[in-house]
Amino acid sequence: MDLHTLSTAAGSKHRRKRLGRGMGSGTGKTSGKGHKGQMARKGNKHKIGFEGGQMPLIRRLPKRGFTNPTRREYIGINVAALNAFDAGSEVTPETLIAAGLANGRHDGIKILGVGDLDRKLSVTAHAFSASAKAKIEAAGGTCNEA
């Protein structure tokens, strides 16, 4: 395959709609805007969700529950994933991110107790589950809260 043999996928290119070019074009007269009304005017602008003065859907629907604005979201990492580190090494949130075990937006890293740990590690994280702490300490390692 060469650059000069590439072509676009069938149906991916569309011709521009030529508005207001006679009744035979299909978009003549009102140019696809219908008759009168806010959207038929030039410079039409309205808020997202605006329904012409009718009570908007977002306000018609019932609201339930509570969203905590100060919620802390942790990334969970299983104890079994820590076997990727060498025995006796120091595991910190930075090394976990560098190893690709934690990514994305988060407020902290929590070590969870799924799997087994077969090496001694010094683990520093923002939180530990009780079973994860027990498994790390049973392997001879230490748990430090960041």
N, C-alpha and C. Protein backbone atom coordinates (compact mmCIF):
# COMPACT_ATOMS: atom_id res chain seq x y z
N MET A 1 0.85 -1.19 0.00
CA MET A 1 0.00 0.00 0.00
C MET A 1 0.89 1.24 0.00
N ASP A 2 0.60 2.15 -0.91
CA ASP A 2 1.35 3.40 -1.02
C ASP A 2 0.41 4.57 -0.76
N LEU A 3 0.99 5.72 -0.45
CA LEU A 3 0.19 6.90 -0.16
C LEU A 3 -0.68 7.32 -1.34
N HIS A 4 -0.17 7.14 -2.57
CA HIS A 4 -0.95 7.59 -3.73
C HIS A 4 -2.10 6.63 -4.06
N THR A 5 -2.15 5.45 -3.42
CA THR A 5 -3.24 4.52 -3.69
C THR A 5 -4.34 4.59 -2.63
N LEU A 6 -4.13 5.39 -1.57
CA LEU A 6 -5.13 5.49 -0.51
C LEU A 6 -6.37 6.24 -1.00
N SER A 7 -7.52 5.79 -0.54
CA SER A 7 -8.75 6.50 -0.87
C SER A 7 -9.65 6.49 0.36
N THR A 8 -10.61 7.40 0.40
CA THR A 8 -11.50 7.48 1.56
C THR A 8 -12.48 6.33 1.55
N ALA A 9 -13.03 6.01 2.71
CA ALA A 9 -14.02 4.94 2.83
C ALA A 9 -15.30 5.36 2.12
N ALA A 10 -15.99 4.39 1.57
CA ALA A 10 -17.23 4.67 0.84
C ALA A 10 -18.25 5.30 1.77
N GLY A 11 -18.81 6.42 1.36
CA GLY A 11 -19.84 7.10 2.14
C GLY A 11 -19.31 8.06 3.20
N SER A 12 -17.99 8.23 3.28
CA SER A 12 -17.44 9.11 4.32
C SER A 12 -17.36 10.56 3.87
N LYS A 13 -17.41 10.80 2.57
CA LYS A 13 -17.36 12.17 2.05
C LYS A 13 -18.76 12.61 1.66
N HIS A 14 -19.18 13.79 2.11
CA HIS A 14 -20.51 14.30 1.79
C HIS A 14 -20.39 15.64 1.08
N ARG A 15 -21.31 15.89 0.16
CA ARG A 15 -21.33 17.20 -0.50
C ARG A 15 -21.98 18.20 0.43
N ARG A 16 -21.52 19.45 0.40
CA ARG A 16 -22.07 20.51 1.22
C ARG A 16 -23.48 20.83 0.77
N LYS A 17 -24.40 21.05 1.77
CA LYS A 17 -25.77 21.43 1.46
C LYS A 17 -25.78 22.86 0.97
N ARG A 18 -26.31 23.12 -0.25
CA ARG A 18 -26.40 24.48 -0.76
C ARG A 18 -27.79 24.98 -0.44
N LEU A 19 -27.89 25.84 0.57
CA LEU A 19 -29.17 26.29 1.09
C LEU A 19 -29.70 27.47 0.30
N GLY A 20 -31.03 27.53 0.16
CA GLY A 20 -31.68 28.67 -0.47
C GLY A 20 -31.41 28.79 -1.94
N ARG A 21 -31.30 27.67 -2.66
CA ARG A 21 -31.01 27.71 -4.10
C ARG A 21 -32.17 27.14 -4.91
N GLY A 22 -33.39 27.51 -4.55
CA GLY A 22 -34.55 27.11 -5.34
C GLY A 22 -35.26 25.91 -4.77
N MET A 23 -36.55 25.80 -5.11
CA MET A 23 -37.38 24.74 -4.57
C MET A 23 -36.94 23.35 -5.02
N GLY A 24 -36.39 23.25 -6.19
CA GLY A 24 -35.97 21.95 -6.70
C GLY A 24 -34.78 21.35 -5.97
N SER A 25 -34.05 22.18 -5.21
CA SER A 25 -32.86 21.68 -4.53
C SER A 25 -33.21 20.89 -3.27
N GLY A 26 -34.43 21.04 -2.76
CA GLY A 26 -34.82 20.36 -1.52
C GLY A 26 -34.54 21.21 -0.29
N THR A 27 -33.71 22.20 -0.43
CA THR A 27 -33.42 23.11 0.68
C THR A 27 -33.57 24.55 0.20
N GLY A 28 -34.64 24.81 -0.53
CA GLY A 28 -34.92 26.18 -0.99
C GLY A 28 -35.83 26.88 0.00
N LYS A 29 -36.34 28.03 -0.37
CA LYS A 29 -37.26 28.83 0.42
C LYS A 29 -36.79 29.03 1.86
N THR A 30 -37.18 28.15 2.80
CA THR A 30 -36.82 28.38 4.21
C THR A 30 -35.47 27.76 4.57
N SER A 31 -34.80 27.15 3.59
CA SER A 31 -33.44 26.61 3.78
C SER A 31 -33.35 25.60 4.91
N GLY A 32 -34.38 24.78 5.07
CA GLY A 32 -34.34 23.72 6.07
C GLY A 32 -34.61 24.19 7.49
N LYS A 33 -35.02 25.47 7.65
CA LYS A 33 -35.24 26.00 9.00
C LYS A 33 -36.71 26.00 9.40
N GLY A 34 -37.61 25.57 8.55
CA GLY A 34 -39.02 25.58 8.89
C GLY A 34 -39.59 26.99 8.82
N HIS A 35 -40.79 27.19 9.37
CA HIS A 35 -41.45 28.48 9.30
C HIS A 35 -41.36 29.22 10.63
N LYS A 36 -40.85 30.44 10.59
CA LYS A 36 -40.79 31.33 11.74
C LYS A 36 -40.16 30.65 12.97
N GLY A 37 -40.33 31.23 14.12
CA GLY A 37 -39.78 30.66 15.34
C GLY A 37 -38.34 31.05 15.57
N GLN A 38 -37.87 30.81 16.78
CA GLN A 38 -36.53 31.25 17.18
C GLN A 38 -35.43 30.68 16.28
N MET A 39 -35.57 29.42 15.91
CA MET A 39 -34.50 28.79 15.14
C MET A 39 -34.50 29.21 13.68
N ALA A 40 -35.55 29.86 13.21
CA ALA A 40 -35.60 30.33 11.83
C ALA A 40 -34.92 31.70 11.69
N ARG A 41 -34.72 32.38 12.81
CA ARG A 41 -34.13 33.72 12.76
C ARG A 41 -32.62 33.66 12.62
N LYS A 42 -32.07 34.74 12.11
CA LYS A 42 -30.60 34.78 12.03
C LYS A 42 -30.03 35.04 13.43
N GLY A 43 -28.85 34.55 13.69
CA GLY A 43 -28.21 34.73 14.99
C GLY A 43 -28.92 33.98 16.09
N ASN A 44 -29.59 32.85 15.75
CA ASN A 44 -30.35 32.15 16.78
C ASN A 44 -29.40 31.53 17.81
N LYS A 45 -29.66 31.83 19.07
CA LYS A 45 -28.87 31.27 20.16
C LYS A 45 -29.83 30.97 21.30
N HIS A 46 -29.69 29.81 21.91
CA HIS A 46 -30.43 29.51 23.12
C HIS A 46 -29.61 28.53 23.94
N LYS A 47 -29.92 28.45 25.21
CA LYS A 47 -29.16 27.60 26.12
C LYS A 47 -29.38 26.13 25.80
N ILE A 48 -28.39 25.31 26.11
CA ILE A 48 -28.54 23.87 25.97
C ILE A 48 -29.63 23.41 26.93
N GLY A 49 -30.57 22.64 26.44
CA GLY A 49 -31.67 22.17 27.27
C GLY A 49 -32.86 23.11 27.28
N PHE A 50 -32.75 24.28 26.61
CA PHE A 50 -33.87 25.22 26.57
C PHE A 50 -34.96 24.65 25.68
N GLU A 51 -36.22 24.67 26.17
CA GLU A 51 -37.33 24.07 25.43
C GLU A 51 -38.40 25.11 25.12
N GLY A 52 -38.00 26.30 24.78
CA GLY A 52 -38.93 27.33 24.35
C GLY A 52 -39.82 27.85 25.46
N GLY A 53 -39.38 27.80 26.69
CA GLY A 53 -40.18 28.29 27.80
C GLY A 53 -40.91 27.18 28.53
N GLN A 54 -41.04 26.02 27.89
CA GLN A 54 -41.60 24.85 28.58
C GLN A 54 -40.63 24.44 29.68
N MET A 55 -41.15 23.85 30.76
CA MET A 55 -40.28 23.41 31.85
C MET A 55 -39.30 22.36 31.29
N PRO A 56 -38.00 22.63 31.35
CA PRO A 56 -37.02 21.72 30.74
C PRO A 56 -37.03 20.33 31.38
N LEU A 57 -36.64 19.34 30.60
CA LEU A 57 -36.62 17.95 31.05
C LEU A 57 -35.79 17.79 32.32
N ILE A 58 -34.66 18.46 32.40
CA ILE A 58 -33.79 18.31 33.56
C ILE A 58 -34.47 18.79 34.84
N ARG A 59 -35.40 19.74 34.71
CA ARG A 59 -36.14 20.22 35.89
C ARG A 59 -37.41 19.43 36.14
N ARG A 60 -37.91 18.73 35.10
CA ARG A 60 -39.12 17.91 35.28
C ARG A 60 -38.82 16.59 35.97
N LEU A 61 -37.60 16.09 35.82
CA LEU A 61 -37.26 14.79 36.40
C LEU A 61 -36.99 14.91 37.89
N PRO A 62 -37.38 13.90 38.68
CA PRO A 62 -37.13 13.97 40.12
C PRO A 62 -35.65 13.79 40.43
N LYS A 63 -35.20 14.47 41.47
CA LYS A 63 -33.80 14.37 41.89
C LYS A 63 -33.75 13.49 43.14
N ARG A 64 -32.78 12.61 43.21
CA ARG A 64 -32.66 11.73 44.36
C ARG A 64 -31.21 11.63 44.79
N GLY A 65 -31.02 11.37 46.07
CA GLY A 65 -29.69 11.08 46.56
C GLY A 65 -28.88 12.32 46.87
N PHE A 66 -27.61 12.08 47.07
CA PHE A 66 -26.69 13.12 47.51
C PHE A 66 -25.35 12.88 46.84
N THR A 67 -24.74 13.93 46.31
CA THR A 67 -23.40 13.84 45.74
C THR A 67 -22.44 14.59 46.66
N ASN A 68 -21.53 13.86 47.24
CA ASN A 68 -20.58 14.45 48.17
C ASN A 68 -19.54 15.26 47.39
N PRO A 69 -19.47 16.57 47.59
CA PRO A 69 -18.51 17.37 46.83
C PRO A 69 -17.06 17.15 47.25
N THR A 70 -16.85 16.59 48.44
CA THR A 70 -15.47 16.36 48.91
C THR A 70 -15.09 14.89 48.87
N ARG A 71 -15.75 14.11 48.01
CA ARG A 71 -15.48 12.68 47.90
C ARG A 71 -14.05 12.43 47.43
N ARG A 72 -13.39 11.45 48.07
CA ARG A 72 -12.04 11.06 47.66
C ARG A 72 -12.14 9.76 46.86
N GLU A 73 -11.57 9.77 45.68
CA GLU A 73 -11.65 8.61 44.80
C GLU A 73 -10.28 7.93 44.74
N TYR A 74 -10.25 6.67 45.19
CA TYR A 74 -9.00 5.92 45.22
C TYR A 74 -8.93 4.96 44.05
N ILE A 75 -7.71 4.72 43.57
CA ILE A 75 -7.46 3.67 42.59
C ILE A 75 -7.07 2.43 43.37
N GLY A 76 -7.77 1.33 43.14
CA GLY A 76 -7.47 0.09 43.84
C GLY A 76 -6.42 -0.72 43.10
N ILE A 77 -5.40 -1.16 43.84
CA ILE A 77 -4.35 -2.02 43.27
C ILE A 77 -4.26 -3.26 44.14
N ASN A 78 -4.37 -4.44 43.52
CA ASN A 78 -4.34 -5.69 44.26
C ASN A 78 -2.93 -6.06 44.68
N VAL A 79 -2.85 -6.79 45.80
CA VAL A 79 -1.56 -7.23 46.34
C VAL A 79 -0.80 -8.06 45.32
N ALA A 80 -1.51 -8.87 44.54
CA ALA A 80 -0.86 -9.73 43.55
C ALA A 80 -0.09 -8.91 42.51
N ALA A 81 -0.53 -7.69 42.21
CA ALA A 81 0.15 -6.85 41.23
C ALA A 81 1.50 -6.35 41.74
N LEU A 82 1.68 -6.36 43.07
CA LEU A 82 2.95 -5.89 43.64
C LEU A 82 4.09 -6.88 43.41
N ASN A 83 3.77 -8.10 42.96
CA ASN A 83 4.81 -9.08 42.65
C ASN A 83 5.67 -8.63 41.46
N ALA A 84 5.24 -7.59 40.76
CA ALA A 84 6.01 -7.07 39.62
C ALA A 84 7.28 -6.36 40.09
N PHE A 85 7.32 -5.97 41.37
CA PHE A 85 8.49 -5.26 41.90
C PHE A 85 9.49 -6.25 42.48
N ASP A 86 10.77 -5.86 42.47
CA ASP A 86 11.83 -6.72 43.01
C ASP A 86 11.72 -6.81 44.52
N ALA A 87 12.17 -7.94 45.07
CA ALA A 87 12.12 -8.16 46.51
C ALA A 87 12.98 -7.12 47.22
N GLY A 88 12.46 -6.60 48.33
CA GLY A 88 13.20 -5.62 49.12
C GLY A 88 13.11 -4.20 48.59
N SER A 89 12.37 -3.97 47.51
CA SER A 89 12.29 -2.63 46.94
C SER A 89 11.24 -1.79 47.64
N GLU A 90 11.34 -0.49 47.43
CA GLU A 90 10.40 0.48 48.01
C GLU A 90 9.32 0.78 46.98
N VAL A 91 8.05 0.54 47.33
CA VAL A 91 6.93 0.78 46.41
C VAL A 91 6.19 2.02 46.89
N THR A 92 6.18 3.07 46.07
CA THR A 92 5.51 4.32 46.39
C THR A 92 4.44 4.61 45.33
N PRO A 93 3.56 5.59 45.56
CA PRO A 93 2.60 5.94 44.52
C PRO A 93 3.25 6.32 43.20
N GLU A 94 4.42 6.97 43.27
CA GLU A 94 5.13 7.36 42.04
C GLU A 94 5.62 6.14 41.27
N THR A 95 6.16 5.13 41.99
CA THR A 95 6.64 3.93 41.30
C THR A 95 5.48 3.11 40.73
N LEU A 96 4.33 3.14 41.41
CA LEU A 96 3.15 2.43 40.89
C LEU A 96 2.65 3.07 39.61
N ILE A 97 2.68 4.40 39.55
CA ILE A 97 2.26 5.12 38.34
C ILE A 97 3.26 4.85 37.21
N ALA A 98 4.56 4.88 37.55
CA ALA A 98 5.60 4.64 36.54
C ALA A 98 5.51 3.22 35.99
N ALA A 99 5.09 2.26 36.83
CA ALA A 99 4.97 0.87 36.39
C ALA A 99 3.69 0.63 35.60
N GLY A 100 2.81 1.64 35.53
CA GLY A 100 1.57 1.52 34.77
C GLY A 100 0.45 0.83 35.54
N LEU A 101 0.61 0.67 36.85
CA LEU A 101 -0.43 0.02 37.66
C LEU A 101 -1.52 1.00 38.08
N ALA A 102 -1.21 2.30 38.06
CA ALA A 102 -2.20 3.32 38.41
C ALA A 102 -2.13 4.43 37.37
N ASN A 103 -3.29 4.84 36.88
CA ASN A 103 -3.32 5.93 35.92
C ASN A 103 -4.64 6.66 36.02
N GLY A 104 -4.75 7.77 35.38
CA GLY A 104 -5.98 8.54 35.38
C GLY A 104 -6.08 9.46 36.58
N ARG A 105 -7.21 10.13 36.69
CA ARG A 105 -7.44 11.06 37.79
C ARG A 105 -7.81 10.30 39.05
N HIS A 106 -7.16 10.63 40.15
CA HIS A 106 -7.46 9.98 41.41
C HIS A 106 -6.95 10.84 42.55
N ASP A 107 -7.51 10.58 43.75
CA ASP A 107 -7.10 11.31 44.95
C ASP A 107 -6.12 10.49 45.77
N GLY A 108 -5.94 9.24 45.43
CA GLY A 108 -5.02 8.40 46.18
C GLY A 108 -5.02 6.99 45.66
N ILE A 109 -4.15 6.17 46.23
CA ILE A 109 -4.02 4.77 45.83
C ILE A 109 -4.30 3.91 47.04
N LYS A 110 -5.16 2.90 46.87
CA LYS A 110 -5.48 1.98 47.94
C LYS A 110 -5.02 0.58 47.53
N ILE A 111 -4.31 -0.09 48.44
CA ILE A 111 -3.85 -1.45 48.18
C ILE A 111 -4.93 -2.40 48.70
N LEU A 112 -5.40 -3.30 47.81
CA LEU A 112 -6.46 -4.24 48.13
C LEU A 112 -5.87 -5.65 48.28
N GLY A 113 -6.58 -6.52 48.99
CA GLY A 113 -6.03 -7.82 49.37
C GLY A 113 -6.30 -8.98 48.44
N VAL A 114 -6.52 -8.74 47.15
CA VAL A 114 -6.78 -9.84 46.22
C VAL A 114 -5.46 -10.43 45.74
N GLY A 115 -5.31 -11.74 45.86
CA GLY A 115 -4.09 -12.42 45.43
C GLY A 115 -3.11 -12.60 46.57
N ASP A 116 -1.92 -13.10 46.23
CA ASP A 116 -0.88 -13.37 47.23
C ASP A 116 0.40 -12.62 46.89
N LEU A 117 1.15 -12.28 47.93
CA LEU A 117 2.43 -11.58 47.78
C LEU A 117 3.53 -12.53 48.20
N ASP A 118 4.53 -12.74 47.34
CA ASP A 118 5.59 -13.71 47.66
C ASP A 118 6.95 -13.05 47.86
N ARG A 119 6.97 -11.76 48.13
CA ARG A 119 8.24 -11.07 48.36
C ARG A 119 8.08 -9.96 49.39
N LYS A 120 9.22 -9.60 49.99
CA LYS A 120 9.24 -8.57 51.03
C LYS A 120 9.33 -7.21 50.37
N LEU A 121 8.34 -6.35 50.64
CA LEU A 121 8.31 -5.02 50.04
C LEU A 121 7.97 -3.98 51.11
N SER A 122 8.50 -2.78 50.91
CA SER A 122 8.10 -1.65 51.74
C SER A 122 7.12 -0.82 50.92
N VAL A 123 5.83 -0.91 51.26
CA VAL A 123 4.78 -0.31 50.44
C VAL A 123 4.27 0.97 51.09
N THR A 124 4.28 2.06 50.31
CA THR A 124 3.71 3.33 50.75
C THR A 124 2.52 3.64 49.85
N ALA A 125 1.34 3.82 50.48
CA ALA A 125 0.12 4.14 49.73
C ALA A 125 -0.77 5.01 50.60
N HIS A 126 -1.86 5.50 50.03
CA HIS A 126 -2.76 6.39 50.77
C HIS A 126 -3.71 5.62 51.67
N ALA A 127 -3.99 4.34 51.33
CA ALA A 127 -4.87 3.51 52.16
C ALA A 127 -4.59 2.04 51.88
N PHE A 128 -4.90 1.20 52.87
CA PHE A 128 -4.72 -0.25 52.77
C PHE A 128 -5.98 -0.92 53.28
N SER A 129 -6.38 -2.01 52.63
CA SER A 129 -7.46 -2.81 53.20
C SER A 129 -6.82 -3.67 54.29
N ALA A 130 -7.63 -4.16 55.22
CA ALA A 130 -7.11 -4.95 56.34
C ALA A 130 -6.42 -6.21 55.84
N SER A 131 -7.01 -6.89 54.83
CA SER A 131 -6.41 -8.13 54.32
C SER A 131 -5.11 -7.85 53.58
N ALA A 132 -5.03 -6.71 52.87
CA ALA A 132 -3.80 -6.36 52.15
C ALA A 132 -2.68 -6.09 53.15
N LYS A 133 -2.98 -5.37 54.22
CA LYS A 133 -1.99 -5.07 55.24
C LYS A 133 -1.46 -6.36 55.86
N ALA A 134 -2.37 -7.30 56.14
CA ALA A 134 -1.98 -8.58 56.73
C ALA A 134 -1.08 -9.37 55.80
N LYS A 135 -1.40 -9.38 54.50
CA LYS A 135 -0.60 -10.14 53.54
C LYS A 135 0.78 -9.55 53.33
N ILE A 136 0.87 -8.21 53.29
CA ILE A 136 2.17 -7.56 53.12
C ILE A 136 3.05 -7.82 54.33
N GLU A 137 2.47 -7.70 55.53
CA GLU A 137 3.25 -7.93 56.75
C GLU A 137 3.60 -9.39 56.94
N ALA A 138 2.75 -10.31 56.47
CA ALA A 138 3.03 -11.75 56.54
C ALA A 138 4.20 -12.12 55.64
N ALA A 139 4.38 -11.38 54.54
CA ALA A 139 5.50 -11.61 53.62
C ALA A 139 6.78 -10.95 54.13
N GLY A 140 6.70 -10.26 55.27
CA GLY A 140 7.89 -9.62 55.85
C GLY A 140 8.04 -8.17 55.46
N GLY A 141 7.07 -7.61 54.79
CA GLY A 141 7.15 -6.22 54.35
C GLY A 141 6.52 -5.26 55.34
N THR A 142 6.53 -3.98 54.97
CA THR A 142 5.94 -2.94 55.83
C THR A 142 4.93 -2.13 55.03
N CYS A 143 3.93 -1.59 55.75
CA CYS A 143 2.91 -0.73 55.15
C CYS A 143 3.04 0.66 55.72
N ASN A 144 3.21 1.65 54.87
CA ASN A 144 3.32 3.05 55.30
C ASN A 144 2.24 3.86 54.61
N GLU A 145 1.52 4.66 55.40
CA GLU A 145 0.47 5.52 54.84
C GLU A 145 1.09 6.81 54.34
N ALA A 146 0.75 7.21 53.10
CA ALA A 146 1.31 8.42 52.51
C ALA A 146 0.57 9.65 53.00
